[in-house]
């Protein structure tokens, strides 16, 4: 029972503890879907946390501004933008995510956000960066770590991966694992062509 988010490909119904994966076709779809996911949290006094590349953060902020959000003011009230690569450096050890490091990097942010009892929506791009770097197992481990945090804190999480055809059986198995780690799968099918 979440807020309905209107999207180009239907409505994304987001519960307070959902972990959603979006497979997106292009940058425009990513910007629209993520921004529309974040918007209700920002507008309704919740907290929106973005862990993404600088380029994507700028795209989301432009979209939110066009939707009437004063991004600078939102930053003081409940919009937090973090750099995905920088955040990952805090917990990656030799191409593997360190669970204690991940916990230390992410849990204080979630604890602070959850304190007021307001809805918290997180968009995370770290898994996509790991996947793109060929660190597929690491991406799946990070998805599992997010789920462990979800047992401690109430937040919804949207992860996004570019919808590229899987090129080998290992990638297809890994995509199945990625989908299993989420409560919802949306966007285009990542299956091999």
C-alpha atoms as a PDB file:
ATOM      1  CA  UNK A   1       0.000   0.000   0.000  1.00  0.00           C
ATOM      2  CA  UNK A   2       2.244   2.738  -1.259  1.00  0.00           C
ATOM      3  CA  UNK A   3       1.893   5.902  -3.228  1.00  0.00           C
ATOM      4  CA  UNK A   4       1.099   5.384  -6.863  1.00  0.00           C
ATOM      5  CA  UNK A   5       3.739   6.916  -9.107  1.00  0.00           C
ATOM      6  CA  UNK A   6       2.633   7.622 -12.664  1.00  0.00           C
ATOM      7  CA  UNK A   7       5.282   6.552 -15.129  1.00  0.00           C
ATOM      8  CA  UNK A   8       5.605   6.269 -18.866  1.00  0.00           C
ATOM      9  CA  UNK A   9       5.059   2.526 -18.633  1.00  0.00           C
ATOM     10  CA  UNK A  10       2.267   2.438 -16.095  1.00  0.00           C
ATOM     11  CA  UNK A  11       2.041   3.084 -12.392  1.00  0.00           C
ATOM     12  CA  UNK A  12       4.780   2.139  -9.961  1.00  0.00           C
ATOM     13  CA  UNK A  13       3.121   1.328  -6.640  1.00  0.00           C
ATOM     14  CA  UNK A  14       5.709   1.862  -3.951  1.00  0.00           C
ATOM     15  CA  UNK A  15       5.302   0.488  -0.455  1.00  0.00           C
ATOM     16  CA  UNK A  16       7.368   1.763   2.452  1.00  0.00           C
ATOM     17  CA  UNK A  17       9.643  -1.290   2.398  1.00  0.00           C
ATOM     18  CA  UNK A  18       9.739  -2.097  -1.300  1.00  0.00           C
ATOM     19  CA  UNK A  19      12.999  -2.835  -3.112  1.00  0.00           C
ATOM     20  CA  UNK A  20      12.350  -2.202  -6.801  1.00  0.00           C
ATOM     21  CA  UNK A  21      14.610  -2.785  -9.780  1.00  0.00           C
ATOM     22  CA  UNK A  22      14.182  -0.762 -12.956  1.00  0.00           C
ATOM     23  CA  UNK A  23      15.663  -1.931 -16.253  1.00  0.00           C
ATOM     24  CA  UNK A  24      15.744   1.226 -18.365  1.00  0.00           C
ATOM     25  CA  UNK A  25      16.126   1.758 -22.117  1.00  0.00           C
ATOM     26  CA  UNK A  26      17.799   5.164 -22.145  1.00  0.00           C
ATOM     27  CA  UNK A  27      18.839   8.146 -20.048  1.00  0.00           C
ATOM     28  CA  UNK A  28      15.497   9.891 -20.514  1.00  0.00           C
ATOM     29  CA  UNK A  29      13.569   6.913 -19.134  1.00  0.00           C
ATOM     30  CA  UNK A  30      15.976   6.690 -16.192  1.00  0.00           C
ATOM     31  CA  UNK A  31      15.589  10.400 -15.389  1.00  0.00           C
ATOM     32  CA  UNK A  32      11.794  10.320 -15.620  1.00  0.00           C
ATOM     33  CA  UNK A  33      11.219   7.110 -13.656  1.00  0.00           C
ATOM     34  CA  UNK A  34      13.681   7.942 -10.867  1.00  0.00           C
ATOM     35  CA  UNK A  35      12.488  11.545 -10.529  1.00  0.00           C
ATOM     36  CA  UNK A  36       8.844  10.452 -10.414  1.00  0.00           C
ATOM     37  CA  UNK A  37       9.765   7.903  -7.738  1.00  0.00           C
ATOM     38  CA  UNK A  38      11.536  10.565  -5.632  1.00  0.00           C
ATOM     39  CA  UNK A  39       8.942  13.315  -6.124  1.00  0.00           C
ATOM     40  CA  UNK A  40       6.257  12.126  -3.637  1.00  0.00           C
ATOM     41  CA  UNK A  41       8.844  11.851  -0.845  1.00  0.00           C
ATOM     42  CA  UNK A  42      10.065  15.397  -1.490  1.00  0.00           C
ATOM     43  CA  UNK A  43       6.570  16.869  -1.868  1.00  0.00           C
ATOM     44  CA  UNK A  44       5.027  15.085   1.120  1.00  0.00           C
ATOM     45  CA  UNK A  45       7.680  15.979   3.683  1.00  0.00           C
ATOM     46  CA  UNK A  46       9.517  12.684   3.354  1.00  0.00           C
ATOM     47  CA  UNK A  47      13.180  12.062   2.672  1.00  0.00           C
ATOM     48  CA  UNK A  48      14.671  11.359  -0.771  1.00  0.00           C
ATOM     49  CA  UNK A  49      18.211   9.972  -0.880  1.00  0.00           C
ATOM     50  CA  UNK A  50      20.035   9.660  -4.192  1.00  0.00           C
ATOM     51  CA  UNK A  51      23.286   7.679  -4.515  1.00  0.00           C
ATOM     52  CA  UNK A  52      24.194   8.232  -8.168  1.00  0.00           C
ATOM     53  CA  UNK A  53      26.730   9.569 -10.656  1.00  0.00           C
ATOM     54  CA  UNK A  54      27.106  13.382 -10.829  1.00  0.00           C
ATOM     55  CA  UNK A  55      25.575  13.380 -14.317  1.00  0.00           C
ATOM     56  CA  UNK A  56      22.471  11.493 -13.189  1.00  0.00           C
ATOM     57  CA  UNK A  57      22.088  13.586 -10.041  1.00  0.00           C
ATOM     58  CA  UNK A  58      22.075  16.725 -12.228  1.00  0.00           C
ATOM     59  CA  UNK A  59      19.450  15.176 -14.549  1.00  0.00           C
ATOM     60  CA  UNK A  60      17.171  14.255 -11.628  1.00  0.00           C
ATOM     61  CA  UNK A  61      17.549  17.708 -10.084  1.00  0.00           C
ATOM     62  CA  UNK A  62      16.693  19.410 -13.407  1.00  0.00           C
ATOM     63  CA  UNK A  63      13.595  17.213 -13.745  1.00  0.00           C
ATOM     64  CA  UNK A  64      12.541  17.892 -10.134  1.00  0.00           C
ATOM     65  CA  UNK A  65      13.059  21.642 -10.643  1.00  0.00           C
ATOM     66  CA  UNK A  66      10.878  21.481 -13.779  1.00  0.00           C
ATOM     67  CA  UNK A  67       8.230  19.725 -11.628  1.00  0.00           C
ATOM     68  CA  UNK A  68       8.223  22.723  -9.291  1.00  0.00           C
ATOM     69  CA  UNK A  69      10.627  21.493  -6.596  1.00  0.00           C
ATOM     70  CA  UNK A  70      12.973  24.050  -5.065  1.00  0.00           C
ATOM     71  CA  UNK A  71      15.936  21.640  -4.994  1.00  0.00           C
ATOM     72  CA  UNK A  72      18.094  23.904  -2.799  1.00  0.00           C
ATOM     73  CA  UNK A  73      15.333  24.200  -0.198  1.00  0.00           C
ATOM     74  CA  UNK A  74      14.578  20.464  -0.482  1.00  0.00           C
ATOM     75  CA  UNK A  75      18.227  19.816   0.359  1.00  0.00           C
ATOM     76  CA  UNK A  76      17.764  21.483   3.724  1.00  0.00           C
ATOM     77  CA  UNK A  77      14.565  19.550   4.423  1.00  0.00           C
ATOM     78  CA  UNK A  78      14.977  16.038   3.147  1.00  0.00           C
ATOM     79  CA  UNK A  79      16.777  15.658  -0.162  1.00  0.00           C
ATOM     80  CA  UNK A  80      20.233  14.124   0.084  1.00  0.00           C
ATOM     81  CA  UNK A  81      22.465  13.478  -2.932  1.00  0.00           C
ATOM     82  CA  UNK A  82      25.572  11.300  -2.632  1.00  0.00           C
ATOM     83  CA  UNK A  83      28.173  10.332  -5.218  1.00  0.00           C
ATOM     84  CA  UNK A  84      27.891   6.616  -6.008  1.00  0.00           C
ATOM     85  CA  UNK A  85      31.612   6.040  -6.728  1.00  0.00           C
ATOM     86  CA  UNK A  86      32.729   7.939  -3.643  1.00  0.00           C
ATOM     87  CA  UNK A  87      30.235   6.084  -1.439  1.00  0.00           C
ATOM     88  CA  UNK A  88      31.436   2.731  -2.820  1.00  0.00           C
ATOM     89  CA  UNK A  89      35.062   3.582  -2.078  1.00  0.00           C
ATOM     90  CA  UNK A  90      34.037   3.570   1.572  1.00  0.00           C
ATOM     91  CA  UNK A  91      33.124  -0.122   1.569  1.00  0.00           C
ATOM     92  CA  UNK A  92      34.758  -1.870  -1.400  1.00  0.00           C
ATOM     93  CA  UNK A  93      37.817  -3.927  -0.486  1.00  0.00           C
ATOM     94  CA  UNK A  94      39.668  -5.530  -3.404  1.00  0.00           C
ATOM     95  CA  UNK A  95      36.594  -5.652  -5.667  1.00  0.00           C
ATOM     96  CA  UNK A  96      34.345  -7.066  -2.910  1.00  0.00           C
ATOM     97  CA  UNK A  97      31.877  -5.155  -0.780  1.00  0.00           C
ATOM     98  CA  UNK A  98      32.750  -5.288   2.921  1.00  0.00           C
ATOM     99  CA  UNK A  99      29.489  -5.730   4.900  1.00  0.00           C
ATOM    100  CA  UNK A 100      30.768  -3.758   7.918  1.00  0.00           C
ATOM    101  CA  UNK A 101      31.983  -0.952   5.633  1.00  0.00           C
ATOM    102  CA  UNK A 102      28.655  -0.889   3.784  1.00  0.00           C
ATOM    103  CA  UNK A 103      26.790  -0.729   7.079  1.00  0.00           C
ATOM    104  CA  UNK A 104      28.988   2.147   8.294  1.00  0.00           C
ATOM    105  CA  UNK A 105      28.565   4.056   5.014  1.00  0.00           C
ATOM    106  CA  UNK A 106      24.796   3.698   4.656  1.00  0.00           C
ATOM    107  CA  UNK A 107      23.115   3.008   8.011  1.00  0.00           C
ATOM    108  CA  UNK A 108      23.793   6.437   9.649  1.00  0.00           C
ATOM    109  CA  UNK A 109      22.082   8.124   6.674  1.00  0.00           C
ATOM    110  CA  UNK A 110      19.054   5.816   6.923  1.00  0.00           C
ATOM    111  CA  UNK A 111      18.918   6.100  10.715  1.00  0.00           C
ATOM    112  CA  UNK A 112      18.844   9.900  10.463  1.00  0.00           C
ATOM    113  CA  UNK A 113      16.261   9.832   7.657  1.00  0.00           C
ATOM    114  CA  UNK A 114      13.983   7.359   9.476  1.00  0.00           C
ATOM    115  CA  UNK A 115      14.139   9.262  12.767  1.00  0.00           C
ATOM    116  CA  UNK A 116      11.229  11.566  11.990  1.00  0.00           C
ATOM    117  CA  UNK A 117       9.012   8.662  10.912  1.00  0.00           C
ATOM    118  CA  UNK A 118       8.592  10.198   7.465  1.00  0.00           C
ATOM    119  CA  UNK A 119       8.612   8.071   4.304  1.00  0.00           C
ATOM    120  CA  UNK A 120      12.137   7.500   3.021  1.00  0.00           C
ATOM    121  CA  UNK A 121      12.830   6.788  -0.661  1.00  0.00           C
ATOM    122  CA  UNK A 122      16.306   5.831  -1.818  1.00  0.00           C
ATOM    123  CA  UNK A 123      17.617   5.610  -5.372  1.00  0.00           C
ATOM    124  CA  UNK A 124      20.878   3.667  -5.608  1.00  0.00           C
ATOM    125  CA  UNK A 125      23.125   3.349  -8.627  1.00  0.00           C
ATOM    126  CA  UNK A 126      26.112   1.632  -6.992  1.00  0.00           C
ATOM    127  CA  UNK A 127      24.973  -1.842  -8.092  1.00  0.00           C
ATOM    128  CA  UNK A 128      24.753  -0.702 -11.705  1.00  0.00           C
ATOM    129  CA  UNK A 129      28.294   0.721 -11.569  1.00  0.00           C
ATOM    130  CA  UNK A 130      29.596  -2.554 -10.118  1.00  0.00           C
ATOM    131  CA  UNK A 131      27.775  -4.538 -12.820  1.00  0.00           C
ATOM    132  CA  UNK A 132      29.191  -2.290 -15.565  1.00  0.00           C
ATOM    133  CA  UNK A 133      32.689  -2.811 -14.147  1.00  0.00           C
ATOM    134  CA  UNK A 134      32.202  -6.576 -14.520  1.00  0.00           C
ATOM    135  CA  UNK A 135      31.850  -7.052 -10.754  1.00  0.00           C
ATOM    136  CA  UNK A 136      28.567  -8.908 -11.088  1.00  0.00           C
ATOM    137  CA  UNK A 137      28.878 -10.958  -7.883  1.00  0.00           C
ATOM    138  CA  UNK A 138      29.726  -7.790  -5.957  1.00  0.00           C
ATOM    139  CA  UNK A 139      26.582  -6.097  -7.320  1.00  0.00           C
ATOM    140  CA  UNK A 140      24.441  -9.005  -6.136  1.00  0.00           C
ATOM    141  CA  UNK A 141      26.130  -8.916  -2.707  1.00  0.00           C
ATOM    142  CA  UNK A 142      25.355  -5.187  -2.406  1.00  0.00           C
ATOM    143  CA  UNK A 143      21.698  -5.874  -3.311  1.00  0.00           C
ATOM    144  CA  UNK A 144      21.603  -8.412  -0.449  1.00  0.00           C
ATOM    145  CA  UNK A 145      23.208  -5.889   1.931  1.00  0.00           C
ATOM    146  CA  UNK A 146      20.519  -3.339   1.068  1.00  0.00           C
ATOM    147  CA  UNK A 147      17.914  -5.997   1.937  1.00  0.00           C
ATOM    148  CA  UNK A 148      19.587  -6.571   5.315  1.00  0.00           C
ATOM    149  CA  UNK A 149      19.398  -2.818   5.987  1.00  0.00           C
ATOM    150  CA  UNK A 150      15.744  -2.947   4.961  1.00  0.00           C
ATOM    151  CA  UNK A 151      15.078  -5.294   7.859  1.00  0.00           C
ATOM    152  CA  UNK A 152      16.441  -2.606  10.239  1.00  0.00           C
ATOM    153  CA  UNK A 153      15.119   0.619   8.729  1.00  0.00           C
ATOM    154  CA  UNK A 154      11.908   1.488   6.945  1.00  0.00           C
ATOM    155  CA  UNK A 155      12.692   2.767   3.457  1.00  0.00           C
ATOM    156  CA  UNK A 156      11.889   1.954  -0.139  1.00  0.00           C
ATOM    157  CA  UNK A 157      14.767   1.478  -2.569  1.00  0.00           C
ATOM    158  CA  UNK A 158      14.878   1.800  -6.339  1.00  0.00           C
ATOM    159  CA  UNK A 159      17.868   0.313  -8.168  1.00  0.00           C
ATOM    160  CA  UNK A 160      18.377   0.770 -11.889  1.00  0.00           C
ATOM    161  CA  UNK A 161      20.307  -1.137 -14.514  1.00  0.00           C
ATOM    162  CA  UNK A 162      20.543  -0.331 -18.234  1.00  0.00           C
ATOM    163  CA  UNK A 163      18.488  -2.911 -20.132  1.00  0.00           C
ATOM    164  CA  UNK A 164      21.228  -4.577 -22.147  1.00  0.00           C
ATOM    165  CA  UNK A 165      20.796  -8.092 -23.430  1.00  0.00           C
ATOM    166  CA  UNK A 166      22.609 -10.654 -21.299  1.00  0.00           C
ATOM    167  CA  UNK A 167      25.491 -12.024 -23.325  1.00  0.00           C
ATOM    168  CA  UNK A 168      26.206 -15.247 -21.452  1.00  0.00           C
ATOM    169  CA  UNK A 169      24.603 -17.791 -19.147  1.00  0.00           C
ATOM    170  CA  UNK A 170      26.440 -16.371 -16.117  1.00  0.00           C
ATOM    171  CA  UNK A 171      24.916 -12.936 -16.744  1.00  0.00           C
ATOM    172  CA  UNK A 172      21.463 -14.442 -17.208  1.00  0.00           C
ATOM    173  CA  UNK A 173      21.798 -16.341 -13.912  1.00  0.00           C
ATOM    174  CA  UNK A 174      23.015 -13.139 -12.260  1.00  0.00           C
ATOM    175  CA  UNK A 175      20.049 -11.167 -13.659  1.00  0.00           C
ATOM    176  CA  UNK A 176      17.743 -13.790 -12.159  1.00  0.00           C
ATOM    177  CA  UNK A 177      19.502 -13.249  -8.810  1.00  0.00           C
ATOM    178  CA  UNK A 178      19.114  -9.480  -9.174  1.00  0.00           C
ATOM    179  CA  UNK A 179      15.391  -9.852  -9.838  1.00  0.00           C
ATOM    180  CA  UNK A 180      15.034 -12.216  -6.849  1.00  0.00           C
ATOM    181  CA  UNK A 181      16.650  -9.615  -4.566  1.00  0.00           C
ATOM    182  CA  UNK A 182      13.809  -7.168  -5.285  1.00  0.00           C
ATOM    183  CA  UNK A 183      10.131  -7.021  -4.377  1.00  0.00           C
ATOM    184  CA  UNK A 184       9.271  -5.523  -7.793  1.00  0.00           C
ATOM    185  CA  UNK A 185      10.800  -5.623 -11.266  1.00  0.00           C
ATOM    186  CA  UNK A 186       9.851  -2.896 -13.738  1.00  0.00           C
ATOM    187  CA  UNK A 187      10.927  -1.506 -17.103  1.00  0.00           C
ATOM    188  CA  UNK A 188      11.958  -3.456 -20.159  1.00  0.00           C
ATOM    189  CA  UNK A 189      12.842  -7.119 -19.942  1.00  0.00           C
ATOM    190  CA  UNK A 190      16.612  -7.683 -19.693  1.00  0.00           C
ATOM    191  CA  UNK A 191      16.346 -11.121 -21.292  1.00  0.00           C
ATOM    192  CA  UNK A 192      18.673 -11.993 -24.151  1.00  0.00           C
ATOM    193  CA  UNK A 193      17.332 -11.063 -27.590  1.00  0.00           C
END
